[in-house]
Amino acid sequence: MQLPSAGKPRFLPRETWLGFYLEDAARKHRYVLGLFNPSWTPAPAQVPYMTLVYEKGGKFRTEAAKATFDCSRKRFFLRLTWADRRLVLADSVDGKTFVDRLTLTPPDHFAPSRLGLTLDSFHDKYAVSGFRVHNFQVDGLSPNPPGQCFTVPFCSD
């Protein structure tokens, strides 16, 4: 993956996010796990790993990890794993050794009907472009019944 490049190198304007998107349409739950720029800086040096949570069709909150992402990295990998009723976002420099960055425990009944990638911004005045994904792969079994898991590796170059 490469960060958006519009405007300045590693451009990621205020309240812009990119990462994995999971949705449970029946229960109206949506989760985005990835990178998020909460600052006013349009080309930040670092951004937090963050979860954007929309539950029950509108209850919105964010959960930031203590770890931050270095926006000067030209190549990086993200991986999302769901096991033991937890979603875990990890990243890697080389695509081989991953470090867990944040964990989210959705409601017990969570059953995603959609999985994908997202790049979006809260503000309509920003036009984010130049985001590149070089591989998107889904492996594993359905998360239902509990105990089975899926892993989504997400890499770039």
Protein backbone atom coordinates (compact mmCIF):
# COMPACT_ATOMS: atom_id res chain seq x y z
CA MET A 1 0.00 0.00 0.00
CA GLN A 2 1.07 3.56 -0.61
CA LEU A 3 -0.43 6.56 1.11
CA PRO A 4 -2.40 9.09 -0.95
CA SER A 5 -0.12 11.50 -2.80
CA ALA A 6 -2.37 14.40 -3.83
CA GLY A 7 -1.10 17.82 -2.80
CA LYS A 8 2.08 16.81 -1.02
CA PRO A 9 3.97 13.55 -0.66
CA ARG A 10 2.22 11.31 1.88
CA PHE A 11 -0.82 13.59 1.82
CA LEU A 12 -3.50 12.56 4.31
CA PRO A 13 -5.74 15.56 5.18
CA ARG A 14 -7.58 16.16 8.42
CA GLU A 15 -10.12 13.48 9.32
CA THR A 16 -9.14 11.22 6.44
CA TRP A 17 -8.84 7.49 6.97
CA LEU A 18 -7.78 4.40 5.10
CA GLY A 19 -7.90 0.75 6.01
CA PHE A 20 -10.25 -2.20 6.25
CA TYR A 21 -14.02 -1.82 6.16
CA LEU A 22 -16.36 -4.38 7.76
CA GLU A 23 -20.12 -4.08 7.79
CA ASP A 24 -22.91 -6.09 9.36
CA ALA A 25 -25.83 -4.77 7.30
CA ALA A 26 -28.49 -6.69 9.24
CA ARG A 27 -27.50 -5.11 12.56
CA LYS A 28 -26.26 -1.79 11.09
CA HIS A 29 -22.72 -2.05 12.50
CA ARG A 30 -19.71 -0.74 10.56
CA TYR A 31 -16.05 -0.73 11.51
CA VAL A 32 -13.02 0.82 9.84
CA LEU A 33 -9.64 -0.32 11.17
CA GLY A 34 -6.58 1.43 9.80
CA LEU A 35 -4.87 4.82 9.74
CA PHE A 36 -6.60 8.10 10.63
CA ASN A 37 -5.45 11.73 10.67
CA PRO A 38 -7.20 13.58 13.51
CA SER A 39 -4.83 16.58 13.30
CA TRP A 40 -5.10 19.81 11.29
CA THR A 41 -1.86 18.99 9.46
CA PRO A 42 -2.56 17.97 5.83
CA ALA A 43 0.71 16.05 5.50
CA PRO A 44 1.44 14.72 9.00
CA ALA A 45 4.69 12.98 9.91
CA GLN A 46 2.76 10.38 11.94
CA VAL A 47 -0.86 9.31 12.32
CA PRO A 48 -2.46 6.94 14.83
CA TYR A 49 -3.78 3.49 14.09
CA MET A 50 -7.45 3.92 14.76
CA THR A 51 -10.85 2.30 14.66
CA LEU A 52 -13.92 4.18 13.49
CA VAL A 53 -17.01 2.53 14.94
CA TYR A 54 -20.59 2.98 13.73
CA GLU A 55 -22.95 0.83 15.76
CA LYS A 56 -26.70 0.48 15.48
CA GLY A 57 -26.83 2.67 12.40
CA GLY A 58 -25.37 5.82 13.86
CA LYS A 59 -23.70 5.54 17.25
CA PHE A 60 -20.25 6.80 16.21
CA ARG A 61 -16.99 6.70 18.14
CA THR A 62 -13.27 6.37 17.51
CA GLU A 63 -10.72 4.29 19.35
CA ALA A 64 -7.06 5.18 18.88
CA ALA A 65 -4.10 2.93 19.56
CA LYS A 66 -1.07 4.20 21.43
CA ALA A 67 1.08 3.25 18.46
CA THR A 68 1.49 5.64 15.53
CA PHE A 69 2.30 5.09 11.88
CA ASP A 70 5.30 6.83 10.30
CA CYS A 71 3.93 8.49 7.14
CA SER A 72 7.37 8.61 5.53
CA ARG A 73 7.21 4.85 4.96
CA LYS A 74 6.90 4.24 1.23
CA ARG A 75 5.88 0.60 1.50
CA PHE A 76 3.83 -1.03 4.20
CA PHE A 77 1.53 -3.95 4.86
CA LEU A 78 -1.66 -4.11 6.93
CA ARG A 79 -3.32 -7.29 8.15
CA LEU A 80 -6.72 -7.71 9.75
CA THR A 81 -7.43 -10.89 11.69
CA TRP A 82 -10.65 -12.00 13.32
CA ALA A 83 -10.28 -14.75 15.89
CA ASP A 84 -11.79 -15.42 19.29
CA ARG A 85 -14.38 -12.68 18.67
CA ARG A 86 -11.69 -10.00 18.31
CA LEU A 87 -10.59 -7.94 15.32
CA VAL A 88 -6.84 -7.29 15.37
CA LEU A 89 -5.09 -4.81 13.07
CA ALA A 90 -1.37 -5.45 12.54
CA ASP A 91 1.23 -3.88 10.29
CA SER A 92 4.59 -4.85 8.85
CA VAL A 93 7.50 -3.25 7.04
CA ASP A 94 8.48 -6.42 5.16
CA GLY A 95 5.21 -8.35 4.92
CA LYS A 96 6.63 -11.19 7.02
CA THR A 97 6.83 -9.95 10.61
CA PHE A 98 3.62 -8.28 11.77
CA VAL A 99 3.11 -6.22 14.94
CA ASP A 100 -0.38 -5.96 16.46
CA ARG A 101 -1.41 -2.30 16.65
CA LEU A 102 -5.00 -2.31 17.88
CA THR A 103 -7.75 -4.68 18.94
CA LEU A 104 -11.52 -4.29 18.77
CA THR A 105 -14.15 -6.62 20.23
CA PRO A 106 -17.42 -6.22 18.31
CA PRO A 107 -20.77 -7.31 19.81
CA ASP A 108 -21.22 -11.07 20.19
CA HIS A 109 -23.78 -11.22 17.38
CA PHE A 110 -21.58 -9.35 14.85
CA ALA A 111 -21.70 -11.14 11.47
CA PRO A 112 -20.10 -9.10 8.67
CA SER A 113 -21.84 -9.17 5.31
CA ARG A 114 -19.29 -6.91 3.60
CA LEU A 115 -15.50 -6.68 3.78
CA GLY A 116 -13.31 -4.33 1.79
CA LEU A 117 -10.91 -1.42 1.72
CA THR A 118 -11.77 2.21 2.31
CA LEU A 119 -10.20 5.60 1.74
CA ASP A 120 -12.48 8.42 2.78
CA SER A 121 -12.59 11.83 4.40
CA PHE A 122 -15.09 13.44 6.73
CA HIS A 123 -14.72 16.76 4.90
CA ASP A 124 -16.05 17.08 1.35
CA LYS A 125 -13.53 19.80 0.44
CA TYR A 126 -10.67 17.29 0.29
CA ALA A 127 -9.97 15.34 -2.86
CA VAL A 128 -7.72 12.47 -1.87
CA SER A 129 -6.02 10.62 -4.72
CA GLY A 130 -2.93 8.64 -5.50
CA PHE A 131 -3.71 5.83 -3.05
CA ARG A 132 -2.36 2.54 -4.37
CA VAL A 133 -3.17 -1.01 -3.30
CA HIS A 134 -1.01 -3.73 -4.78
CA ASN A 135 -2.61 -6.79 -3.22
CA PHE A 136 -5.84 -7.55 -1.40
CA GLN A 137 -6.41 -11.10 -0.28
CA VAL A 138 -9.05 -12.77 1.88
CA ASP A 139 -8.28 -16.15 3.46
CA GLY A 140 -10.12 -18.31 5.92
CA LEU A 141 -13.56 -19.43 6.91
CA SER A 142 -16.64 -17.48 7.79
CA PRO A 143 -16.52 -16.06 11.31
CA ASN A 144 -19.72 -17.93 12.12
CA PRO A 145 -19.75 -20.12 14.16
CA PRO A 146 -17.39 -18.48 16.65
CA GLY A 147 -13.96 -20.00 16.88
CA GLN A 148 -13.39 -20.04 13.15
CA CYS A 149 -11.40 -17.10 11.83
CA PHE A 150 -10.39 -15.18 8.75
CA THR A 151 -7.25 -13.21 8.05
CA VAL A 152 -6.96 -10.42 5.52
CA PRO A 153 -3.40 -9.53 4.54
CA PHE A 154 -3.08 -6.11 2.94
CA CYS A 155 0.20 -5.13 1.35
CA SER A 156 1.75 -2.51 -0.90
CA ASP A 157 4.94 -1.63 -2.71
